[in-house]
Amino acid sequence: MEILKSLLPFVILIIIMYFLVFRPQQQETKKRKEMIDSLKKGDKIITAGGLIVDVYKVEEKYLSVKINEDTIVKLTKEAVARKYENEI
């Protein structure tokens, strides 16, 4: 019984950490994965390097993106920061 009383604050702290840190991080990761999986040809994205590019082709692990009319490059899906929604 004494052990339970001494462990109770640690258990409460772990529960608080789960709901304040781990769970929101898991939800954010899930939203990001869904956003990347929903990308299709013609979408505009912002890369981790800050480039605004058009998705040209979606592959399993890569995206072919158009930087300008003449330049198409391959980009890993992990390098996608977010979808561009006319933020300017």
PDB file of N, CA and C in Angstrom:
ATOM      1  N   MET A   1       0.816  -1.196   0.000  1.00  0.00           N
ATOM      2  CA  MET A   1       0.000   0.000   0.000  1.00  0.00           C
ATOM      3  C   MET A   1       0.862   1.265   0.000  1.00  0.00           C
ATOM      4  N   GLU A   2       1.931   1.231   0.745  1.00  0.00           N
ATOM      5  CA  GLU A   2       2.838   2.378   0.813  1.00  0.00           C
ATOM      6  C   GLU A   2       3.522   2.623  -0.537  1.00  0.00           C
ATOM      7  N   ILE A   3       3.804   1.543  -1.249  1.00  0.00           N
ATOM      8  CA  ILE A   3       4.442   1.662  -2.568  1.00  0.00           C
ATOM      9  C   ILE A   3       3.493   2.361  -3.547  1.00  0.00           C
ATOM     10  N   LEU A   4       2.221   2.019  -3.486  1.00  0.00           N
ATOM     11  CA  LEU A   4       1.240   2.653  -4.373  1.00  0.00           C
ATOM     12  C   LEU A   4       1.141   4.150  -4.110  1.00  0.00           C
ATOM     13  N   LYS A   5       1.186   4.545  -2.880  1.00  0.00           N
ATOM     14  CA  LYS A   5       1.124   5.963  -2.542  1.00  0.00           C
ATOM     15  C   LYS A   5       2.347   6.718  -3.057  1.00  0.00           C
ATOM     16  N   SER A   6       3.495   6.066  -3.036  1.00  0.00           N
ATOM     17  CA  SER A   6       4.706   6.736  -3.507  1.00  0.00           C
ATOM     18  C   SER A   6       4.800   6.752  -5.035  1.00  0.00           C
ATOM     19  N   LEU A   7       4.179   5.794  -5.694  1.00  0.00           N
ATOM     20  CA  LEU A   7       4.217   5.738  -7.161  1.00  0.00           C
ATOM     21  C   LEU A   7       3.108   6.561  -7.817  1.00  0.00           C
ATOM     22  N   LEU A   8       2.082   6.896  -7.085  1.00  0.00           N
ATOM     23  CA  LEU A   8       0.949   7.622  -7.645  1.00  0.00           C
ATOM     24  C   LEU A   8       1.341   8.940  -8.324  1.00  0.00           C
ATOM     25  N   PRO A   9       2.200   9.781  -7.744  1.00  0.00           N
ATOM     26  CA  PRO A   9       2.588  11.017  -8.449  1.00  0.00           C
ATOM     27  C   PRO A   9       3.289  10.753  -9.789  1.00  0.00           C
ATOM     28  N   PHE A  10       4.094   9.690  -9.853  1.00  0.00           N
ATOM     29  CA  PHE A  10       4.777   9.360 -11.109  1.00  0.00           C
ATOM     30  C   PHE A  10       3.793   8.877 -12.161  1.00  0.00           C
ATOM     31  N   VAL A  11       2.824   8.096 -11.752  1.00  0.00           N
ATOM     32  CA  VAL A  11       1.809   7.615 -12.686  1.00  0.00           C
ATOM     33  C   VAL A  11       0.992   8.799 -13.227  1.00  0.00           C
ATOM     34  N   ILE A  12       0.618   9.710 -12.342  1.00  0.00           N
ATOM     35  CA  ILE A  12      -0.123  10.896 -12.772  1.00  0.00           C
ATOM     36  C   ILE A  12       0.716  11.739 -13.729  1.00  0.00           C
ATOM     37  N   LEU A  13       2.002  11.884 -13.441  1.00  0.00           N
ATOM     38  CA  LEU A  13       2.901  12.645 -14.317  1.00  0.00           C
ATOM     39  C   LEU A  13       3.010  12.000 -15.694  1.00  0.00           C
ATOM     40  N   ILE A  14       3.095  10.691 -15.752  1.00  0.00           N
ATOM     41  CA  ILE A  14       3.174   9.978 -17.030  1.00  0.00           C
ATOM     42  C   ILE A  14       1.884  10.177 -17.828  1.00  0.00           C
ATOM     43  N   ILE A  15       0.748  10.122 -17.149  1.00  0.00           N
ATOM     44  CA  ILE A  15      -0.537  10.333 -17.838  1.00  0.00           C
ATOM     45  C   ILE A  15      -0.629  11.754 -18.381  1.00  0.00           C
ATOM     46  N   ILE A  16      -0.218  12.729 -17.606  1.00  0.00           N
ATOM     47  CA  ILE A  16      -0.226  14.120 -18.068  1.00  0.00           C
ATOM     48  C   ILE A  16       0.702  14.304 -19.261  1.00  0.00           C
ATOM     49  N   MET A  17       1.898  13.718 -19.204  1.00  0.00           N
ATOM     50  CA  MET A  17       2.848  13.813 -20.317  1.00  0.00           C
ATOM     51  C   MET A  17       2.263  13.187 -21.581  1.00  0.00           C
ATOM     52  N   TYR A  18       1.562  12.080 -21.426  1.00  0.00           N
ATOM     53  CA  TYR A  18       0.965  11.425 -22.588  1.00  0.00           C
ATOM     54  C   TYR A  18      -0.022  12.363 -23.281  1.00  0.00           C
ATOM     55  N   PHE A  19      -0.921  12.976 -22.506  1.00  0.00           N
ATOM     56  CA  PHE A  19      -1.959  13.811 -23.110  1.00  0.00           C
ATOM     57  C   PHE A  19      -1.445  15.175 -23.557  1.00  0.00           C
ATOM     58  N   LEU A  20      -0.359  15.669 -22.988  1.00  0.00           N
ATOM     59  CA  LEU A  20       0.157  16.984 -23.378  1.00  0.00           C
ATOM     60  C   LEU A  20       1.255  16.927 -24.427  1.00  0.00           C
ATOM     61  N   VAL A  21       1.968  15.809 -24.520  1.00  0.00           N
ATOM     62  CA  VAL A  21       3.109  15.740 -25.433  1.00  0.00           C
ATOM     63  C   VAL A  21       2.943  14.642 -26.477  1.00  0.00           C
ATOM     64  N   PHE A  22       2.820  13.413 -26.059  1.00  0.00           N
ATOM     65  CA  PHE A  22       2.879  12.287 -26.990  1.00  0.00           C
ATOM     66  C   PHE A  22       1.660  12.188 -27.894  1.00  0.00           C
ATOM     67  N   ARG A  23       0.479  12.314 -27.347  1.00  0.00           N
ATOM     68  CA  ARG A  23      -0.734  12.192 -28.149  1.00  0.00           C
ATOM     69  C   ARG A  23      -0.836  13.280 -29.213  1.00  0.00           C
ATOM     70  N   PRO A  24      -0.634  14.567 -28.878  1.00  0.00           N
ATOM     71  CA  PRO A  24      -0.681  15.591 -29.940  1.00  0.00           C
ATOM     72  C   PRO A  24       0.375  15.366 -31.027  1.00  0.00           C
ATOM     73  N   GLN A  25       1.545  14.888 -30.627  1.00  0.00           N
ATOM     74  CA  GLN A  25       2.591  14.628 -31.613  1.00  0.00           C
ATOM     75  C   GLN A  25       2.174  13.495 -32.549  1.00  0.00           C
ATOM     76  N   GLN A  26       1.537  12.459 -32.023  1.00  0.00           N
ATOM     77  CA  GLN A  26       1.055  11.364 -32.862  1.00  0.00           C
ATOM     78  C   GLN A  26      -0.028  11.850 -33.827  1.00  0.00           C
ATOM     79  N   GLN A  27      -0.915  12.715 -33.341  1.00  0.00           N
ATOM     80  CA  GLN A  27      -1.971  13.245 -34.206  1.00  0.00           C
ATOM     81  C   GLN A  27      -1.388  14.112 -35.318  1.00  0.00           C
ATOM     82  N   GLU A  28      -0.380  14.922 -34.989  1.00  0.00           N
ATOM     83  CA  GLU A  28       0.266  15.766 -36.001  1.00  0.00           C
ATOM     84  C   GLU A  28       0.965  14.912 -37.058  1.00  0.00           C
ATOM     85  N   THR A  29       1.619  13.854 -36.628  1.00  0.00           N
ATOM     86  CA  THR A  29       2.286  12.939 -37.560  1.00  0.00           C
ATOM     87  C   THR A  29       1.261  12.279 -38.479  1.00  0.00           C
ATOM     88  N   LYS A  30       0.124  11.900 -37.923  1.00  0.00           N
ATOM     89  CA  LYS A  30      -0.926  11.270 -38.723  1.00  0.00           C
ATOM     90  C   LYS A  30      -1.486  12.251 -39.759  1.00  0.00           C
ATOM     91  N   LYS A  31      -1.722  13.509 -39.363  1.00  0.00           N
ATOM     92  CA  LYS A  31      -2.222  14.525 -40.301  1.00  0.00           C
ATOM     93  C   LYS A  31      -1.229  14.776 -41.420  1.00  0.00           C
ATOM     94  N   ARG A  32       0.055  14.838 -41.077  1.00  0.00           N
ATOM     95  CA  ARG A  32       1.099  15.073 -42.079  1.00  0.00           C
ATOM     96  C   ARG A  32       1.138  13.930 -43.083  1.00  0.00           C
ATOM     97  N   LYS A  33       1.062  12.687 -42.596  1.00  0.00           N
ATOM     98  CA  LYS A  33       1.081  11.530 -43.485  1.00  0.00           C
ATOM     99  C   LYS A  33      -0.128  11.545 -44.411  1.00  0.00           C
ATOM    100  N   GLU A  34      -1.300  11.884 -43.877  1.00  0.00           N
ATOM    101  CA  GLU A  34      -2.500  11.964 -44.701  1.00  0.00           C
ATOM    102  C   GLU A  34      -2.371  13.048 -45.771  1.00  0.00           C
ATOM    103  N   MET A  35      -1.783  14.198 -45.397  1.00  0.00           N
ATOM    104  CA  MET A  35      -1.590  15.282 -46.355  1.00  0.00           C
ATOM    105  C   MET A  35      -0.653  14.841 -47.481  1.00  0.00           C
ATOM    106  N   ILE A  36       0.443  14.185 -47.122  1.00  0.00           N
ATOM    107  CA  ILE A  36       1.399  13.738 -48.139  1.00  0.00           C
ATOM    108  C   ILE A  36       0.776  12.661 -49.025  1.00  0.00           C
ATOM    109  N   ASP A  37       0.004  11.750 -48.431  1.00  0.00           N
ATOM    110  CA  ASP A  37      -0.636  10.698 -49.220  1.00  0.00           C
ATOM    111  C   ASP A  37      -1.717  11.252 -50.147  1.00  0.00           C
ATOM    112  N   SER A  38      -2.288  12.409 -49.823  1.00  0.00           N
ATOM    113  CA  SER A  38      -3.355  12.973 -50.645  1.00  0.00           C
ATOM    114  C   SER A  38      -2.835  13.854 -51.778  1.00  0.00           C
ATOM    115  N   LEU A  39      -1.521  14.069 -51.864  1.00  0.00           N
ATOM    116  CA  LEU A  39      -0.980  14.922 -52.927  1.00  0.00           C
ATOM    117  C   LEU A  39      -1.227  14.300 -54.286  1.00  0.00           C
ATOM    118  N   LYS A  40      -1.533  15.155 -55.247  1.00  0.00           N
ATOM    119  CA  LYS A  40      -1.768  14.678 -56.610  1.00  0.00           C
ATOM    120  C   LYS A  40      -1.148  15.663 -57.596  1.00  0.00           C
ATOM    121  N   LYS A  41      -1.098  15.260 -58.835  1.00  0.00           N
ATOM    122  CA  LYS A  41      -0.509  16.099 -59.874  1.00  0.00           C
ATOM    123  C   LYS A  41      -1.219  17.449 -59.917  1.00  0.00           C
ATOM    124  N   GLY A  42      -0.422  18.519 -59.967  1.00  0.00           N
ATOM    125  CA  GLY A  42      -0.970  19.862 -60.047  1.00  0.00           C
ATOM    126  C   GLY A  42      -1.022  20.590 -58.714  1.00  0.00           C
ATOM    127  N   ASP A  43      -0.894  19.859 -57.594  1.00  0.00           N
ATOM    128  CA  ASP A  43      -0.886  20.518 -56.281  1.00  0.00           C
ATOM    129  C   ASP A  43       0.386  21.331 -56.116  1.00  0.00           C
ATOM    130  N   LYS A  44       0.295  22.422 -55.394  1.00  0.00           N
ATOM    131  CA  LYS A  44       1.477  23.216 -55.059  1.00  0.00           C
ATOM    132  C   LYS A  44       1.888  22.873 -53.641  1.00  0.00           C
ATOM    133  N   ILE A  45       3.201  22.691 -53.443  1.00  0.00           N
ATOM    134  CA  ILE A  45       3.722  22.370 -52.117  1.00  0.00           C
ATOM    135  C   ILE A  45       4.891  23.291 -51.787  1.00  0.00           C
ATOM    136  N   ILE A  46       5.191  23.374 -50.518  1.00  0.00           N
ATOM    137  CA  ILE A  46       6.383  24.077 -50.058  1.00  0.00           C
ATOM    138  C   ILE A  46       7.322  23.021 -49.510  1.00  0.00           C
ATOM    139  N   THR A  47       8.557  23.013 -50.014  1.00  0.00           N
ATOM    140  CA  THR A  47       9.531  22.025 -49.563  1.00  0.00           C
ATOM    141  C   THR A  47      10.169  22.470 -48.258  1.00  0.00           C
ATOM    142  N   ALA A  48      10.896  21.551 -47.640  1.00  0.00           N
ATOM    143  CA  ALA A  48      11.603  21.869 -46.397  1.00  0.00           C
ATOM    144  C   ALA A  48      12.647  22.955 -46.647  1.00  0.00           C
ATOM    145  N   GLY A  49      13.121  23.079 -47.862  1.00  0.00           N
ATOM    146  CA  GLY A  49      14.084  24.117 -48.215  1.00  0.00           C
ATOM    147  C   GLY A  49      13.446  25.454 -48.551  1.00  0.00           C
ATOM    148  N   GLY A  50      12.117  25.510 -48.566  1.00  0.00           N
ATOM    149  CA  GLY A  50      11.419  26.767 -48.801  1.00  0.00           C
ATOM    150  C   GLY A  50      11.000  27.008 -50.238  1.00  0.00           C
ATOM    151  N   LEU A  51      11.202  26.051 -51.129  1.00  0.00           N
ATOM    152  CA  LEU A  51      10.795  26.224 -52.522  1.00  0.00           C
ATOM    153  C   LEU A  51       9.300  25.955 -52.681  1.00  0.00           C
ATOM    154  N   ILE A  52       8.648  26.746 -53.492  1.00  0.00           N
ATOM    155  CA  ILE A  52       7.252  26.500 -53.841  1.00  0.00           C
ATOM    156  C   ILE A  52       7.263  25.860 -55.218  1.00  0.00           C
ATOM    157  N   VAL A  53       6.773  24.613 -55.282  1.00  0.00           N
ATOM    158  CA  VAL A  53       6.856  23.843 -56.527  1.00  0.00           C
ATOM    159  C   VAL A  53       5.508  23.193 -56.814  1.00  0.00           C
ATOM    160  N   ASP A  54       5.334  22.770 -58.079  1.00  0.00           N
ATOM    161  CA  ASP A  54       4.135  22.045 -58.494  1.00  0.00           C
ATOM    162  C   ASP A  54       4.437  20.555 -58.541  1.00  0.00           C
ATOM    163  N   VAL A  55       3.509  19.743 -58.038  1.00  0.00           N
ATOM    164  CA  VAL A  55       3.672  18.292 -58.125  1.00  0.00           C
ATOM    165  C   VAL A  55       3.429  17.883 -59.568  1.00  0.00           C
ATOM    166  N   TYR A  56       4.383  17.171 -60.148  1.00  0.00           N
ATOM    167  CA  TYR A  56       4.277  16.737 -61.544  1.00  0.00           C
ATOM    168  C   TYR A  56       3.863  15.270 -61.626  1.00  0.00           C
ATOM    169  N   LYS A  57       4.434  14.442 -60.725  1.00  0.00           N
ATOM    170  CA  LYS A  57       4.136  13.014 -60.730  1.00  0.00           C
ATOM    171  C   LYS A  57       4.313  12.487 -59.309  1.00  0.00           C
ATOM    172  N   VAL A  58       3.388  11.637 -58.868  1.00  0.00           N
ATOM    173  CA  VAL A  58       3.464  11.045 -57.538  1.00  0.00           C
ATOM    174  C   VAL A  58       3.912   9.596 -57.683  1.00  0.00           C
ATOM    175  N   GLU A  59       4.980   9.241 -56.983  1.00  0.00           N
ATOM    176  CA  GLU A  59       5.477   7.867 -56.965  1.00  0.00           C
ATOM    177  C   GLU A  59       5.373   7.335 -55.543  1.00  0.00           C
ATOM    178  N   GLU A  60       5.826   6.096 -55.328  1.00  0.00           N
ATOM    179  CA  GLU A  60       5.684   5.485 -54.002  1.00  0.00           C
ATOM    180  C   GLU A  60       6.470   6.231 -52.926  1.00  0.00           C
ATOM    181  N   LYS A  61       7.753   6.518 -53.178  1.00  0.00           N
ATOM    182  CA  LYS A  61       8.588   7.178 -52.181  1.00  0.00           C
ATOM    183  C   LYS A  61       8.996   8.589 -52.582  1.00  0.00           C
ATOM    184  N   TYR A  62       8.759   8.947 -53.825  1.00  0.00           N
ATOM    185  CA  TYR A  62       9.236  10.231 -54.340  1.00  0.00           C
ATOM    186  C   TYR A  62       8.112  10.999 -55.006  1.00  0.00           C
ATOM    187  N   LEU A  63       8.361  12.278 -55.171  1.00  0.00           N
ATOM    188  CA  LEU A  63       7.502  13.139 -55.970  1.00  0.00           C
ATOM    189  C   LEU A  63       8.373  13.756 -57.057  1.00  0.00           C
ATOM    190  N   SER A  64       7.887  13.768 -58.273  1.00  0.00           N
ATOM    191  CA  SER A  64       8.541  14.560 -59.306  1.00  0.00           C
ATOM    192  C   SER A  64       7.865  15.916 -59.266  1.00  0.00           C
ATOM    193  N   VAL A  65       8.665  16.959 -59.124  1.00  0.00           N
ATOM    194  CA  VAL A  65       8.106  18.304 -58.989  1.00  0.00           C
ATOM    195  C   VAL A  65       8.676  19.213 -60.061  1.00  0.00           C
ATOM    196  N   LYS A  66       7.854  20.186 -60.461  1.00  0.00           N
ATOM    197  CA  LYS A  66       8.241  21.164 -61.471  1.00  0.00           C
ATOM    198  C   LYS A  66       8.656  22.440 -60.765  1.00  0.00           C
ATOM    199  N   ILE A  67       9.913  22.815 -60.949  1.00  0.00           N
ATOM    200  CA  ILE A  67      10.402  24.060 -60.379  1.00  0.00           C
ATOM    201  C   ILE A  67      10.015  25.228 -61.278  1.00  0.00           C
ATOM    202  N   ASN A  68      10.180  25.036 -62.578  1.00  0.00           N
ATOM    203  CA  ASN A  68       9.712  26.012 -63.568  1.00  0.00           C
ATOM    204  C   ASN A  68       9.278  25.225 -64.798  1.00  0.00           C
ATOM    205  N   GLU A  69       9.023  25.883 -65.899  1.00  0.00           N
ATOM    206  CA  GLU A  69       8.502  25.199 -67.083  1.00  0.00           C
ATOM    207  C   GLU A  69       9.462  24.148 -67.646  1.00  0.00           C
ATOM    208  N   ASP A  70      10.762  24.329 -67.435  1.00  0.00           N
ATOM    209  CA  ASP A  70      11.747  23.438 -68.040  1.00  0.00           C
ATOM    210  C   ASP A  70      12.381  22.455 -67.057  1.00  0.00           C
ATOM    211  N   THR A  71      12.234  22.655 -65.770  1.00  0.00           N
ATOM    212  CA  THR A  71      12.978  21.882 -64.791  1.00  0.00           C
ATOM    213  C   THR A  71      12.051  21.012 -63.946  1.00  0.00           C
ATOM    214  N   ILE A  72      12.262  19.698 -64.042  1.00  0.00           N
ATOM    215  CA  ILE A  72      11.536  18.734 -63.218  1.00  0.00           C
ATOM    216  C   ILE A  72      12.574  17.965 -62.403  1.00  0.00           C
ATOM    217  N   VAL A  73      12.393  17.907 -61.103  1.00  0.00           N
ATOM    218  CA  VAL A  73      13.323  17.198 -60.222  1.00  0.00           C
ATOM    219  C   VAL A  73      12.546  16.236 -59.345  1.00  0.00           C
ATOM    220  N   LYS A  74      13.270  15.249 -58.794  1.00  0.00           N
ATOM    221  CA  LYS A  74      12.681  14.291 -57.874  1.00  0.00           C
ATOM    222  C   LYS A  74      12.920  14.756 -56.452  1.00  0.00           C
ATOM    223  N   LEU A  75      11.918  14.567 -55.609  1.00  0.00           N
ATOM    224  CA  LEU A  75      11.953  15.024 -54.233  1.00  0.00           C
ATOM    225  C   LEU A  75      11.421  13.905 -53.352  1.00  0.00           C
ATOM    226  N   THR A  76      12.084  13.648 -52.224  1.00  0.00           N
ATOM    227  CA  THR A  76      11.548  12.647 -51.306  1.00  0.00           C
ATOM    228  C   THR A  76      10.302  13.206 -50.628  1.00  0.00           C
ATOM    229  N   LYS A  77       9.394  12.346 -50.288  1.00  0.00           N
ATOM    230  CA  LYS A  77       8.159  12.794 -49.642  1.00  0.00           C
ATOM    231  C   LYS A  77       8.435  13.408 -48.271  1.00  0.00           C
ATOM    232  N   GLU A  78       9.520  13.009 -47.632  1.00  0.00           N
ATOM    233  CA  GLU A  78       9.873  13.567 -46.330  1.00  0.00           C
ATOM    234  C   GLU A  78      10.269  15.041 -46.430  1.00  0.00           C
ATOM    235  N   ALA A  79      10.642  15.494 -47.624  1.00  0.00           N
ATOM    236  CA  ALA A  79      11.083  16.875 -47.809  1.00  0.00           C
ATOM    237  C   ALA A  79       9.915  17.843 -48.010  1.00  0.00           C
ATOM    238  N   VAL A  80       8.688  17.340 -48.000  1.00  0.00           N
ATOM    239  CA  VAL A  80       7.514  18.199 -48.148  1.00  0.00           C
ATOM    240  C   VAL A  80       7.207  18.823 -46.793  1.00  0.00           C
ATOM    241  N   ALA A  81       7.210  20.145 -46.741  1.00  0.00           N
ATOM    242  CA  ALA A  81       6.899  20.831 -45.488  1.00  0.00           C
ATOM    243  C   ALA A  81       5.386  20.962 -45.321  1.00  0.00           C
ATOM    244  N   ARG A  82       4.715  21.462 -46.353  1.00  0.00           N
ATOM    245  CA  ARG A  82       3.256  21.607 -46.290  1.00  0.00           C
ATOM    246  C   ARG A  82       2.716  21.899 -47.679  1.00  0.00           C
ATOM    247  N   LYS A  83       1.414  21.840 -47.788  1.00  0.00           N
ATOM    248  CA  LYS A  83       0.733  22.168 -49.028  1.00  0.00           C
ATOM    249  C   LYS A  83       0.611  23.680 -49.123  1.00  0.00           C
ATOM    250  N   TYR A  84       0.810  24.227 -50.304  1.00  0.00           N
ATOM    251  CA  TYR A  84       0.729  25.671 -50.517  1.00  0.00           C
ATOM    252  C   TYR A  84      -0.717  26.038 -50.830  1.00  0.00           C
ATOM    253  N   GLU A  85      -1.264  26.963 -50.066  1.00  0.00           N
ATOM    254  CA  GLU A  85      -2.680  27.339 -50.228  1.00  0.00           C
ATOM    255  C   GLU A  85      -2.821  28.832 -50.522  1.00  0.00           C
ATOM    256  N   ASN A  86      -2.047  29.362 -51.461  1.00  0.00           N
ATOM    257  CA  ASN A  86      -2.090  30.804 -51.796  1.00  0.00           C
ATOM    258  C   ASN A  86      -1.971  31.661 -50.539  1.00  0.00           C
ATOM    259  N   GLU A  87      -0.888  31.469 -49.824  1.00  0.00           N
ATOM    260  CA  GLU A  87      -0.699  32.112 -48.527  1.00  0.00           C
ATOM    261  C   GLU A  87      -0.274  33.558 -48.638  1.00  0.00           C
ATOM    262  N   ILE A  88       0.130  33.999 -49.809  1.00  0.00           N
ATOM    263  CA  ILE A  88       0.628  35.361 -49.960  1.00  0.00           C
ATOM    264  C   ILE A  88      -0.520  36.333 -50.100  1.00  0.00           C
TER     265      ILE A  88
END
